């Protein structure tokens, strides 16, 4: 999308710092054109292309299957996939009671299949879409069975579902030599925070020895297990010398408490992640607090799409490494 306008070059450069502009200024019958990235104090006619880099080019417009589109998280990822220009496969796994239900996602009619049909359905999908990437947001109880299925068929997958037997999960993927991005946390910025915590734990072991830790996490009532992110952060604090057990985590699932005590906006009670980690010194004179609050699901959906794009690249390039996490995705860069 190109266009020409007369505008303050200084403002344009401030507003679009990453763009290169082609400025032109008329001096009588002569016209001087220059490529310019520095602010210029006058008004110029400026032609520019504001199109953002898109994943919809042929290199990245691959098919993507989302399990389960009937869930809130799966639906959010499916919508993000359509918005990113990816080809949404019109098939998803869902609960038995939703079998044969049709879900409309951005104009794509997605049919719900019972997981009992999984092998036949996924085999057919893989035959029709050999470049497909599967994104899994189902239930903790389905993690291992789904991973077994993906590995059996040979479908690369992004697993954002928490829970399950994680040791068995990684062994399954490793034994099958399958490609996968596995992460309990798909929010890119939250992952960056977690990576910072891991660096602290590695560089400064025992730095919080003797401190007491309080952890509170609030999620929508439907989230059954302790947040995977909370578990990871707690592990970092343990490596920094804090004595703490997972059963000490204060899980807030009551909507009234979430609004009044935690401060969750009412419109986000059905989808949020508020985490607070409070450290206190032995003599009660020093305290530290780490907090990250997320409303809605877009941060995870967008991160999941970045992970799928990343995995597609790795599969296409036949990367030697097969099992990745969101740190790998972040370190790769070039995210949307």
C-alpha atoms as a PDB file:
ATOM      1  CA  UNK A   1       0.000   0.000   0.000  1.00  0.00           C
ATOM      2  CA  UNK A   2       1.875   3.089  -1.210  1.00  0.00           C
ATOM      3  CA  UNK A   3       0.715   6.685  -1.063  1.00  0.00           C
ATOM      4  CA  UNK A   4       1.977  10.246  -1.148  1.00  0.00           C
ATOM      5  CA  UNK A   5       1.211  12.884   1.421  1.00  0.00           C
ATOM      6  CA  UNK A   6       2.510  16.203   2.647  1.00  0.00           C
ATOM      7  CA  UNK A   7       3.492  15.875   6.276  1.00  0.00           C
ATOM      8  CA  UNK A   8       6.070  16.988   8.771  1.00  0.00           C
ATOM      9  CA  UNK A   9       9.113  14.816   8.162  1.00  0.00           C
ATOM     10  CA  UNK A  10      10.064  15.118  11.818  1.00  0.00           C
ATOM     11  CA  UNK A  11       6.698  13.721  12.910  1.00  0.00           C
ATOM     12  CA  UNK A  12       6.811  10.955  10.322  1.00  0.00           C
ATOM     13  CA  UNK A  13      10.243   9.832  11.456  1.00  0.00           C
ATOM     14  CA  UNK A  14       9.136   9.887  15.090  1.00  0.00           C
ATOM     15  CA  UNK A  15       5.973   7.941  14.367  1.00  0.00           C
ATOM     16  CA  UNK A  16       7.594   5.377  12.065  1.00  0.00           C
ATOM     17  CA  UNK A  17      11.216   5.112  13.254  1.00  0.00           C
ATOM     18  CA  UNK A  18      11.850   1.787  11.530  1.00  0.00           C
ATOM     19  CA  UNK A  19      10.801   2.969   8.071  1.00  0.00           C
ATOM     20  CA  UNK A  20      12.981   4.475   5.393  1.00  0.00           C
ATOM     21  CA  UNK A  21      11.269   7.387   3.634  1.00  0.00           C
ATOM     22  CA  UNK A  22      11.799   8.775   0.176  1.00  0.00           C
ATOM     23  CA  UNK A  23      11.558  12.552   0.594  1.00  0.00           C
ATOM     24  CA  UNK A  24      11.287  14.970  -2.305  1.00  0.00           C
ATOM     25  CA  UNK A  25      11.423  18.760  -2.263  1.00  0.00           C
ATOM     26  CA  UNK A  26      10.873  21.030  -5.217  1.00  0.00           C
ATOM     27  CA  UNK A  27      13.197  23.942  -5.875  1.00  0.00           C
ATOM     28  CA  UNK A  28      11.618  25.762  -8.779  1.00  0.00           C
ATOM     29  CA  UNK A  29      11.645  23.319 -11.676  1.00  0.00           C
ATOM     30  CA  UNK A  30      14.117  20.989  -9.972  1.00  0.00           C
ATOM     31  CA  UNK A  31      13.221  18.155  -7.686  1.00  0.00           C
ATOM     32  CA  UNK A  32      15.650  16.677  -5.183  1.00  0.00           C
ATOM     33  CA  UNK A  33      14.967  13.213  -3.832  1.00  0.00           C
ATOM     34  CA  UNK A  34      16.801  11.506  -1.009  1.00  0.00           C
ATOM     35  CA  UNK A  35      16.399   8.517   1.259  1.00  0.00           C
ATOM     36  CA  UNK A  36      16.322   9.837   4.802  1.00  0.00           C
ATOM     37  CA  UNK A  37      16.042   8.319   8.261  1.00  0.00           C
ATOM     38  CA  UNK A  38      16.939  11.438  10.255  1.00  0.00           C
ATOM     39  CA  UNK A  39      14.294  13.983  11.271  1.00  0.00           C
ATOM     40  CA  UNK A  40      14.066  16.968   8.939  1.00  0.00           C
ATOM     41  CA  UNK A  41      12.564  20.237  10.137  1.00  0.00           C
ATOM     42  CA  UNK A  42      10.529  21.130   7.078  1.00  0.00           C
ATOM     43  CA  UNK A  43       7.484  19.822   5.268  1.00  0.00           C
ATOM     44  CA  UNK A  44       8.121  17.447   2.382  1.00  0.00           C
ATOM     45  CA  UNK A  45       6.101  15.306   0.074  1.00  0.00           C
ATOM     46  CA  UNK A  46       6.717  11.848   1.348  1.00  0.00           C
ATOM     47  CA  UNK A  47       6.052   8.538  -0.427  1.00  0.00           C
ATOM     48  CA  UNK A  48       6.219   5.476   1.733  1.00  0.00           C
ATOM     49  CA  UNK A  49       5.083   1.907   1.979  1.00  0.00           C
ATOM     50  CA  UNK A  50       3.479   1.152   5.336  1.00  0.00           C
ATOM     51  CA  UNK A  51       2.887  -2.543   4.743  1.00  0.00           C
ATOM     52  CA  UNK A  52       4.198  -4.612   7.608  1.00  0.00           C
ATOM     53  CA  UNK A  53       6.187  -7.773   6.953  1.00  0.00           C
ATOM     54  CA  UNK A  54       3.619 -10.522   6.654  1.00  0.00           C
ATOM     55  CA  UNK A  55       3.647 -14.239   7.227  1.00  0.00           C
ATOM     56  CA  UNK A  56       1.142 -14.610   4.417  1.00  0.00           C
ATOM     57  CA  UNK A  57       3.842 -14.913   1.757  1.00  0.00           C
ATOM     58  CA  UNK A  58       4.232 -18.306   0.154  1.00  0.00           C
ATOM     59  CA  UNK A  59       7.132 -19.254   2.401  1.00  0.00           C
ATOM     60  CA  UNK A  60       5.074 -19.126   5.579  1.00  0.00           C
ATOM     61  CA  UNK A  61       1.434 -19.621   4.525  1.00  0.00           C
ATOM     62  CA  UNK A  62       1.356 -23.167   5.839  1.00  0.00           C
ATOM     63  CA  UNK A  63      -1.641 -25.190   7.113  1.00  0.00           C
ATOM     64  CA  UNK A  64      -2.262 -25.178  10.849  1.00  0.00           C
ATOM     65  CA  UNK A  65      -4.581 -27.419  12.875  1.00  0.00           C
ATOM     66  CA  UNK A  66      -5.764 -26.177  16.270  1.00  0.00           C
ATOM     67  CA  UNK A  67      -6.862 -28.568  19.020  1.00  0.00           C
ATOM     68  CA  UNK A  68      -9.281 -27.660  20.427  1.00  0.00           C
ATOM     69  CA  UNK A  69     -11.178 -24.863  18.663  1.00  0.00           C
ATOM     70  CA  UNK A  70     -14.110 -25.401  21.016  1.00  0.00           C
ATOM     71  CA  UNK A  71     -12.028 -24.235  23.980  1.00  0.00           C
ATOM     72  CA  UNK A  72     -11.463 -20.556  24.710  1.00  0.00           C
ATOM     73  CA  UNK A  73      -7.700 -20.744  24.322  1.00  0.00           C
ATOM     74  CA  UNK A  74      -7.870 -22.908  21.218  1.00  0.00           C
ATOM     75  CA  UNK A  75     -10.428 -20.560  19.688  1.00  0.00           C
ATOM     76  CA  UNK A  76      -8.171 -17.561  20.374  1.00  0.00           C
ATOM     77  CA  UNK A  77      -5.232 -19.297  18.665  1.00  0.00           C
ATOM     78  CA  UNK A  78      -7.399 -20.260  15.677  1.00  0.00           C
ATOM     79  CA  UNK A  79      -8.504 -16.643  15.262  1.00  0.00           C
ATOM     80  CA  UNK A  80      -4.894 -15.472  15.531  1.00  0.00           C
ATOM     81  CA  UNK A  81      -3.899 -18.011  12.872  1.00  0.00           C
ATOM     82  CA  UNK A  82      -6.553 -16.727  10.470  1.00  0.00           C
ATOM     83  CA  UNK A  83      -5.528 -13.119  11.156  1.00  0.00           C
ATOM     84  CA  UNK A  84      -1.909 -14.039  10.437  1.00  0.00           C
ATOM     85  CA  UNK A  85      -2.880 -15.422   7.045  1.00  0.00           C
ATOM     86  CA  UNK A  86      -2.212 -19.064   7.849  1.00  0.00           C
ATOM     87  CA  UNK A  87      -4.362 -21.826   6.359  1.00  0.00           C
ATOM     88  CA  UNK A  88      -6.637 -23.074   9.126  1.00  0.00           C
ATOM     89  CA  UNK A  89      -7.337 -26.792   8.692  1.00  0.00           C
ATOM     90  CA  UNK A  90     -11.124 -27.304   9.001  1.00  0.00           C
ATOM     91  CA  UNK A  91     -10.727 -30.096  11.551  1.00  0.00           C
ATOM     92  CA  UNK A  92     -10.285 -30.046  15.324  1.00  0.00           C
ATOM     93  CA  UNK A  93     -10.489 -32.459  18.248  1.00  0.00           C
ATOM     94  CA  UNK A  94     -12.936 -31.647  21.012  1.00  0.00           C
ATOM     95  CA  UNK A  95     -14.994 -33.161  23.783  1.00  0.00           C
ATOM     96  CA  UNK A  96     -17.186 -36.151  22.979  1.00  0.00           C
ATOM     97  CA  UNK A  97     -20.345 -34.088  23.467  1.00  0.00           C
ATOM     98  CA  UNK A  98     -19.186 -31.643  20.781  1.00  0.00           C
ATOM     99  CA  UNK A  99     -18.664 -34.315  18.122  1.00  0.00           C
ATOM    100  CA  UNK A 100     -19.740 -33.169  14.626  1.00  0.00           C
ATOM    101  CA  UNK A 101     -20.245 -29.617  15.837  1.00  0.00           C
ATOM    102  CA  UNK A 102     -19.186 -26.939  13.336  1.00  0.00           C
ATOM    103  CA  UNK A 103     -17.179 -23.960  14.590  1.00  0.00           C
ATOM    104  CA  UNK A 104     -16.900 -20.878  12.376  1.00  0.00           C
ATOM    105  CA  UNK A 105     -13.495 -19.228  12.694  1.00  0.00           C
ATOM    106  CA  UNK A 106     -13.047 -16.249  10.402  1.00  0.00           C
ATOM    107  CA  UNK A 107     -15.167 -17.871   7.722  1.00  0.00           C
ATOM    108  CA  UNK A 108     -13.538 -21.312   7.987  1.00  0.00           C
ATOM    109  CA  UNK A 109     -15.979 -24.028   9.014  1.00  0.00           C
ATOM    110  CA  UNK A 110     -14.101 -26.287  11.431  1.00  0.00           C
ATOM    111  CA  UNK A 111     -15.607 -29.691  12.225  1.00  0.00           C
ATOM    112  CA  UNK A 112     -15.173 -31.110  15.717  1.00  0.00           C
ATOM    113  CA  UNK A 113     -14.111 -34.739  16.077  1.00  0.00           C
ATOM    114  CA  UNK A 114     -14.111 -36.973  19.130  1.00  0.00           C
ATOM    115  CA  UNK A 115     -10.546 -37.805  20.280  1.00  0.00           C
ATOM    116  CA  UNK A 116     -11.481 -41.495  19.899  1.00  0.00           C
ATOM    117  CA  UNK A 117     -11.364 -40.859  16.138  1.00  0.00           C
ATOM    118  CA  UNK A 118      -7.984 -39.214  16.546  1.00  0.00           C
ATOM    119  CA  UNK A 119      -5.686 -41.555  14.653  1.00  0.00           C
ATOM    120  CA  UNK A 120      -7.827 -41.884  11.537  1.00  0.00           C
ATOM    121  CA  UNK A 121      -8.679 -38.188  11.443  1.00  0.00           C
ATOM    122  CA  UNK A 122      -5.117 -36.981  11.982  1.00  0.00           C
ATOM    123  CA  UNK A 123      -3.759 -39.459   9.450  1.00  0.00           C
ATOM    124  CA  UNK A 124      -6.197 -38.059   6.860  1.00  0.00           C
ATOM    125  CA  UNK A 125      -5.240 -34.483   7.759  1.00  0.00           C
ATOM    126  CA  UNK A 126      -1.531 -35.281   7.413  1.00  0.00           C
ATOM    127  CA  UNK A 127      -2.095 -36.882   4.016  1.00  0.00           C
ATOM    128  CA  UNK A 128      -4.032 -33.856   2.760  1.00  0.00           C
ATOM    129  CA  UNK A 129      -1.795 -31.264   4.431  1.00  0.00           C
ATOM    130  CA  UNK A 130       1.736 -32.741   4.626  1.00  0.00           C
ATOM    131  CA  UNK A 131       3.170 -29.410   5.865  1.00  0.00           C
ATOM    132  CA  UNK A 132       0.646 -29.084   8.697  1.00  0.00           C
ATOM    133  CA  UNK A 133       1.623 -27.850  12.162  1.00  0.00           C
ATOM    134  CA  UNK A 134      -0.653 -28.827  15.060  1.00  0.00           C
ATOM    135  CA  UNK A 135      -1.202 -26.490  18.015  1.00  0.00           C
ATOM    136  CA  UNK A 136      -2.548 -28.186  21.132  1.00  0.00           C
ATOM    137  CA  UNK A 137      -4.619 -26.421  23.807  1.00  0.00           C
ATOM    138  CA  UNK A 138      -6.713 -29.211  25.225  1.00  0.00           C
ATOM    139  CA  UNK A 139      -6.751 -30.620  28.791  1.00  0.00           C
ATOM    140  CA  UNK A 140      -3.962 -31.688  31.165  1.00  0.00           C
ATOM    141  CA  UNK A 141      -5.423 -35.204  31.162  1.00  0.00           C
ATOM    142  CA  UNK A 142      -5.020 -35.406  27.361  1.00  0.00           C
ATOM    143  CA  UNK A 143      -1.407 -34.193  27.107  1.00  0.00           C
ATOM    144  CA  UNK A 144       0.317 -37.559  26.925  1.00  0.00           C
ATOM    145  CA  UNK A 145      -2.269 -39.300  24.751  1.00  0.00           C
ATOM    146  CA  UNK A 146      -2.232 -36.420  22.276  1.00  0.00           C
ATOM    147  CA  UNK A 147       1.570 -36.301  22.171  1.00  0.00           C
ATOM    148  CA  UNK A 148       1.624 -40.074  21.582  1.00  0.00           C
ATOM    149  CA  UNK A 149      -0.739 -39.581  18.645  1.00  0.00           C
ATOM    150  CA  UNK A 150       1.154 -36.670  17.091  1.00  0.00           C
ATOM    151  CA  UNK A 151       4.421 -38.579  17.332  1.00  0.00           C
ATOM    152  CA  UNK A 152       2.888 -41.777  15.932  1.00  0.00           C
ATOM    153  CA  UNK A 153       1.581 -39.958  12.856  1.00  0.00           C
ATOM    154  CA  UNK A 154       4.710 -37.804  12.583  1.00  0.00           C
ATOM    155  CA  UNK A 155       3.019 -34.419  12.817  1.00  0.00           C
ATOM    156  CA  UNK A 156       5.076 -31.491  14.198  1.00  0.00           C
ATOM    157  CA  UNK A 157       3.234 -29.828  17.066  1.00  0.00           C
ATOM    158  CA  UNK A 158       3.196 -26.866  19.414  1.00  0.00           C
ATOM    159  CA  UNK A 159       2.038 -27.859  22.891  1.00  0.00           C
ATOM    160  CA  UNK A 160       0.711 -25.073  25.095  1.00  0.00           C
ATOM    161  CA  UNK A 161      -1.374 -27.344  27.316  1.00  0.00           C
ATOM    162  CA  UNK A 162      -0.058 -27.632  30.857  1.00  0.00           C
ATOM    163  CA  UNK A 163      -0.058 -30.719  33.048  1.00  0.00           C
ATOM    164  CA  UNK A 164       0.330 -34.360  32.201  1.00  0.00           C
ATOM    165  CA  UNK A 165       3.440 -36.449  32.794  1.00  0.00           C
ATOM    166  CA  UNK A 166       6.091 -34.065  31.448  1.00  0.00           C
ATOM    167  CA  UNK A 167       8.963 -36.539  31.778  1.00  0.00           C
ATOM    168  CA  UNK A 168       7.029 -39.070  29.727  1.00  0.00           C
ATOM    169  CA  UNK A 169       6.064 -36.339  27.276  1.00  0.00           C
ATOM    170  CA  UNK A 170       9.651 -35.393  26.479  1.00  0.00           C
ATOM    171  CA  UNK A 171      10.711 -39.033  26.245  1.00  0.00           C
ATOM    172  CA  UNK A 172       7.889 -39.722  23.777  1.00  0.00           C
ATOM    173  CA  UNK A 173       8.940 -36.853  21.518  1.00  0.00           C
ATOM    174  CA  UNK A 174      12.625 -37.697  21.804  1.00  0.00           C
ATOM    175  CA  UNK A 175      12.112 -41.403  21.033  1.00  0.00           C
ATOM    176  CA  UNK A 176       9.998 -40.521  17.989  1.00  0.00           C
ATOM    177  CA  UNK A 177      12.547 -37.916  16.835  1.00  0.00           C
ATOM    178  CA  UNK A 178       9.555 -35.633  16.304  1.00  0.00           C
ATOM    179  CA  UNK A 179       9.580 -31.856  15.928  1.00  0.00           C
ATOM    180  CA  UNK A 180       7.825 -29.963  18.717  1.00  0.00           C
ATOM    181  CA  UNK A 181       7.708 -26.696  20.618  1.00  0.00           C
ATOM    182  CA  UNK A 182       6.718 -27.498  24.196  1.00  0.00           C
ATOM    183  CA  UNK A 183       6.086 -24.693  26.652  1.00  0.00           C
ATOM    184  CA  UNK A 184       3.674 -24.189  29.543  1.00  0.00           C
ATOM    185  CA  UNK A 185       3.862 -20.463  28.812  1.00  0.00           C
ATOM    186  CA  UNK A 186       3.420 -19.035  25.305  1.00  0.00           C
ATOM    187  CA  UNK A 187       3.283 -15.321  26.164  1.00  0.00           C
ATOM    188  CA  UNK A 188       6.518 -13.974  24.701  1.00  0.00           C
ATOM    189  CA  UNK A 189       6.989 -11.181  27.226  1.00  0.00           C
ATOM    190  CA  UNK A 190       6.206 -13.450  30.174  1.00  0.00           C
ATOM    191  CA  UNK A 191       8.701 -15.978  28.821  1.00  0.00           C
ATOM    192  CA  UNK A 192      11.322 -13.228  28.648  1.00  0.00           C
ATOM    193  CA  UNK A 193      10.620 -12.458  32.325  1.00  0.00           C
ATOM    194  CA  UNK A 194      10.956 -16.132  33.184  1.00  0.00           C
ATOM    195  CA  UNK A 195      14.249 -16.312  31.288  1.00  0.00           C
ATOM    196  CA  UNK A 196      15.509 -13.388  33.368  1.00  0.00           C
ATOM    197  CA  UNK A 197      14.587 -15.275  36.536  1.00  0.00           C
ATOM    198  CA  UNK A 198      16.452 -18.341  35.303  1.00  0.00           C
ATOM    199  CA  UNK A 199      19.542 -16.228  34.633  1.00  0.00           C
ATOM    200  CA  UNK A 200      19.330 -14.862  38.183  1.00  0.00           C
ATOM    201  CA  UNK A 201      19.060 -18.378  39.568  1.00  0.00           C
ATOM    202  CA  UNK A 202      22.065 -19.512  37.553  1.00  0.00           C
ATOM    203  CA  UNK A 203      24.250 -16.491  38.273  1.00  0.00           C
ATOM    204  CA  UNK A 204      23.292 -15.883  41.896  1.00  0.00           C
ATOM    205  CA  UNK A 205      22.552 -19.230  43.600  1.00  0.00           C
ATOM    206  CA  UNK A 206      21.558 -18.775  47.246  1.00  0.00           C
ATOM    207  CA  UNK A 207      21.083 -14.998  46.943  1.00  0.00           C
ATOM    208  CA  UNK A 208      17.691 -15.205  48.723  1.00  0.00           C
ATOM    209  CA  UNK A 209      18.712 -17.809  51.291  1.00  0.00           C
ATOM    210  CA  UNK A 210      16.691 -17.378  54.487  1.00  0.00           C
ATOM    211  CA  UNK A 211      13.983 -15.299  52.798  1.00  0.00           C
ATOM    212  CA  UNK A 212      10.365 -16.414  52.989  1.00  0.00           C
ATOM    213  CA  UNK A 213       8.305 -16.586  49.828  1.00  0.00           C
ATOM    214  CA  UNK A 214       4.585 -16.002  49.302  1.00  0.00           C
ATOM    215  CA  UNK A 215       3.050 -16.879  45.958  1.00  0.00           C
ATOM    216  CA  UNK A 216      -0.432 -15.983  44.813  1.00  0.00           C
ATOM    217  CA  UNK A 217      -1.800 -16.803  41.381  1.00  0.00           C
ATOM    218  CA  UNK A 218      -5.264 -16.036  40.048  1.00  0.00           C
ATOM    219  CA  UNK A 219      -6.733 -17.670  36.951  1.00  0.00           C
ATOM    220  CA  UNK A 220     -10.180 -18.268  35.539  1.00  0.00           C
ATOM    221  CA  UNK A 221     -12.166 -20.862  37.471  1.00  0.00           C
ATOM    222  CA  UNK A 222     -11.770 -23.441  34.711  1.00  0.00           C
ATOM    223  CA  UNK A 223      -7.995 -23.696  35.163  1.00  0.00           C
ATOM    224  CA  UNK A 224      -7.596 -26.783  37.292  1.00  0.00           C
ATOM    225  CA  UNK A 225      -3.863 -26.992  37.955  1.00  0.00           C
ATOM    226  CA  UNK A 226      -1.201 -24.653  39.333  1.00  0.00           C
ATOM    227  CA  UNK A 227       0.179 -22.374  36.662  1.00  0.00           C
ATOM    228  CA  UNK A 228       3.198 -23.821  34.875  1.00  0.00           C
ATOM    229  CA  UNK A 229       4.755 -20.361  34.918  1.00  0.00           C
ATOM    230  CA  UNK A 230       4.362 -20.166  38.693  1.00  0.00           C
ATOM    231  CA  UNK A 231       6.028 -23.557  39.046  1.00  0.00           C
ATOM    232  CA  UNK A 232       8.963 -22.404  36.911  1.00  0.00           C
ATOM    233  CA  UNK A 233       9.410 -19.133  38.815  1.00  0.00           C
ATOM    234  CA  UNK A 234       9.203 -20.961  42.158  1.00  0.00           C
ATOM    235  CA  UNK A 235      11.893 -23.346  40.947  1.00  0.00           C
ATOM    236  CA  UNK A 236      14.123 -20.339  40.223  1.00  0.00           C
ATOM    237  CA  UNK A 237      13.589 -18.984  43.735  1.00  0.00           C
ATOM    238  CA  UNK A 238      14.359 -22.409  45.178  1.00  0.00           C
ATOM    239  CA  UNK A 239      17.648 -22.356  43.292  1.00  0.00           C
ATOM    240  CA  UNK A 240      18.276 -18.929  44.811  1.00  0.00           C
ATOM    241  CA  UNK A 241      18.047 -20.401  48.284  1.00  0.00           C
ATOM    242  CA  UNK A 242      14.351 -20.095  49.167  1.00  0.00           C
ATOM    243  CA  UNK A 243      12.638 -23.029  50.870  1.00  0.00           C
ATOM    244  CA  UNK A 244       9.166 -23.371  49.379  1.00  0.00           C
ATOM    245  CA  UNK A 245       6.752 -26.153  48.448  1.00  0.00           C
ATOM    246  CA  UNK A 246       4.195 -26.050  45.633  1.00  0.00           C
ATOM    247  CA  UNK A 247       1.330 -26.848  48.008  1.00  0.00           C
ATOM    248  CA  UNK A 248       1.947 -23.447  49.610  1.00  0.00           C
ATOM    249  CA  UNK A 249       0.799 -21.600  46.479  1.00  0.00           C
ATOM    250  CA  UNK A 250      -2.349 -19.565  47.081  1.00  0.00           C
ATOM    251  CA  UNK A 251      -4.590 -20.348  44.131  1.00  0.00           C
ATOM    252  CA  UNK A 252      -7.414 -17.846  43.682  1.00  0.00           C
ATOM    253  CA  UNK A 253     -10.319 -19.170  41.626  1.00  0.00           C
ATOM    254  CA  UNK A 254     -13.281 -17.465  43.312  1.00  0.00           C
ATOM    255  CA  UNK A 255     -14.543 -14.571  41.135  1.00  0.00           C
ATOM    256  CA  UNK A 256     -15.527 -12.419  44.131  1.00  0.00           C
ATOM    257  CA  UNK A 257     -12.043 -12.689  45.628  1.00  0.00           C
ATOM    258  CA  UNK A 258     -10.472 -12.107  42.223  1.00  0.00           C
ATOM    259  CA  UNK A 259     -12.263  -8.780  41.849  1.00  0.00           C
ATOM    260  CA  UNK A 260     -12.080  -7.540  45.427  1.00  0.00           C
ATOM    261  CA  UNK A 261      -8.741  -8.896  46.614  1.00  0.00           C
ATOM    262  CA  UNK A 262      -6.675  -9.394  43.451  1.00  0.00           C
ATOM    263  CA  UNK A 263      -8.044  -6.539  41.358  1.00  0.00           C
ATOM    264  CA  UNK A 264      -9.025  -8.494  38.258  1.00  0.00           C
ATOM    265  CA  UNK A 265     -11.356  -6.491  35.969  1.00  0.00           C
ATOM    266  CA  UNK A 266     -14.758  -8.153  35.874  1.00  0.00           C
ATOM    267  CA  UNK A 267     -14.728  -8.408  32.082  1.00  0.00           C
ATOM    268  CA  UNK A 268     -11.614 -10.617  32.319  1.00  0.00           C
ATOM    269  CA  UNK A 269     -12.741 -13.035  35.023  1.00  0.00           C
ATOM    270  CA  UNK A 270     -13.186 -15.702  32.351  1.00  0.00           C
ATOM    271  CA  UNK A 271      -9.644 -15.291  31.063  1.00  0.00           C
ATOM    272  CA  UNK A 272      -6.731 -13.832  33.046  1.00  0.00           C
ATOM    273  CA  UNK A 273      -3.425 -14.696  34.741  1.00  0.00           C
ATOM    274  CA  UNK A 274      -2.326 -12.605  37.718  1.00  0.00           C
ATOM    275  CA  UNK A 275       0.854 -13.707  39.496  1.00  0.00           C
ATOM    276  CA  UNK A 276       2.522 -12.236  42.577  1.00  0.00           C
ATOM    277  CA  UNK A 277       5.753 -13.407  44.212  1.00  0.00           C
ATOM    278  CA  UNK A 278       6.625 -11.701  47.514  1.00  0.00           C
ATOM    279  CA  UNK A 279       9.958 -12.238  49.288  1.00  0.00           C
ATOM    280  CA  UNK A 280      10.677 -11.113  52.858  1.00  0.00           C
ATOM    281  CA  UNK A 281      14.039 -11.094  54.642  1.00  0.00           C
ATOM    282  CA  UNK A 282      14.488 -13.056  57.888  1.00  0.00           C
ATOM    283  CA  UNK A 283      14.354  -9.872  60.008  1.00  0.00           C
ATOM    284  CA  UNK A 284      11.337  -8.497  58.098  1.00  0.00           C
ATOM    285  CA  UNK A 285      13.221  -5.321  57.106  1.00  0.00           C
ATOM    286  CA  UNK A 286      13.581  -6.065  53.384  1.00  0.00           C
ATOM    287  CA  UNK A 287      11.024  -7.204  50.846  1.00  0.00           C
ATOM    288  CA  UNK A 288      10.949  -7.813  47.115  1.00  0.00           C
ATOM    289  CA  UNK A 289       7.900  -8.253  44.937  1.00  0.00           C
ATOM    290  CA  UNK A 290       7.660  -9.609  41.397  1.00  0.00           C
ATOM    291  CA  UNK A 291       4.332  -9.381  39.598  1.00  0.00           C
ATOM    292  CA  UNK A 292       2.952  -9.969  36.123  1.00  0.00           C
ATOM    293  CA  UNK A 293      -0.729  -9.588  35.248  1.00  0.00           C
ATOM    294  CA  UNK A 294      -2.329 -10.655  31.996  1.00  0.00           C
ATOM    295  CA  UNK A 295      -5.927 -10.003  30.939  1.00  0.00           C
ATOM    296  CA  UNK A 296      -7.361 -11.962  28.059  1.00  0.00           C
ATOM    297  CA  UNK A 297      -5.685 -14.576  25.874  1.00  0.00           C
ATOM    298  CA  UNK A 298      -4.202 -12.624  22.979  1.00  0.00           C
ATOM    299  CA  UNK A 299      -0.662 -12.667  24.409  1.00  0.00           C
ATOM    300  CA  UNK A 300      -0.683 -16.480  24.415  1.00  0.00           C
ATOM    301  CA  UNK A 301      -2.438 -16.816  21.071  1.00  0.00           C
ATOM    302  CA  UNK A 302       0.042 -14.550  19.292  1.00  0.00           C
ATOM    303  CA  UNK A 303       2.966 -16.313  20.939  1.00  0.00           C
ATOM    304  CA  UNK A 304       1.564 -19.665  19.827  1.00  0.00           C
ATOM    305  CA  UNK A 305       1.440 -18.489  16.234  1.00  0.00           C
ATOM    306  CA  UNK A 306       5.036 -17.269  16.453  1.00  0.00           C
ATOM    307  CA  UNK A 307       5.966 -20.702  17.824  1.00  0.00           C
ATOM    308  CA  UNK A 308       4.156 -22.425  14.943  1.00  0.00           C
ATOM    309  CA  UNK A 309       5.942 -20.248  12.377  1.00  0.00           C
ATOM    310  CA  UNK A 310       9.258 -20.958  14.109  1.00  0.00           C
ATOM    311  CA  UNK A 311       8.582 -24.716  14.093  1.00  0.00           C
ATOM    312  CA  UNK A 312       7.546 -24.664  10.435  1.00  0.00           C
ATOM    313  CA  UNK A 313      10.907 -23.103   9.576  1.00  0.00           C
ATOM    314  CA  UNK A 314      12.764 -25.737  11.572  1.00  0.00           C
ATOM    315  CA  UNK A 315      10.904 -28.576   9.888  1.00  0.00           C
ATOM    316  CA  UNK A 316      11.451 -27.128   6.424  1.00  0.00           C
ATOM    317  CA  UNK A 317      15.162 -26.640   7.080  1.00  0.00           C
ATOM    318  CA  UNK A 318      15.419 -30.134   8.616  1.00  0.00           C
ATOM    319  CA  UNK A 319      17.034 -28.718  11.720  1.00  0.00           C
ATOM    320  CA  UNK A 320      19.183 -31.116  13.700  1.00  0.00           C
ATOM    321  CA  UNK A 321      17.514 -30.099  16.953  1.00  0.00           C
ATOM    322  CA  UNK A 322      13.925 -31.308  17.251  1.00  0.00           C
ATOM    323  CA  UNK A 323      12.533 -30.293  20.653  1.00  0.00           C
ATOM    324  CA  UNK A 324      12.228 -26.574  21.361  1.00  0.00           C
ATOM    325  CA  UNK A 325      10.724 -24.219  23.902  1.00  0.00           C
ATOM    326  CA  UNK A 326       9.669 -20.569  23.847  1.00  0.00           C
ATOM    327  CA  UNK A 327      13.162 -19.428  24.799  1.00  0.00           C
ATOM    328  CA  UNK A 328      14.331 -20.897  21.488  1.00  0.00           C
ATOM    329  CA  UNK A 329      11.560 -18.986  19.715  1.00  0.00           C
ATOM    330  CA  UNK A 330      12.557 -15.725  21.421  1.00  0.00           C
ATOM    331  CA  UNK A 331      16.257 -16.193  20.702  1.00  0.00           C
ATOM    332  CA  UNK A 332      15.527 -16.824  17.040  1.00  0.00           C
ATOM    333  CA  UNK A 333      14.036 -13.320  16.737  1.00  0.00           C
ATOM    334  CA  UNK A 334      12.115 -12.198  13.643  1.00  0.00           C
ATOM    335  CA  UNK A 335       8.784 -12.457  15.467  1.00  0.00           C
ATOM    336  CA  UNK A 336       5.797 -10.568  14.157  1.00  0.00           C
END
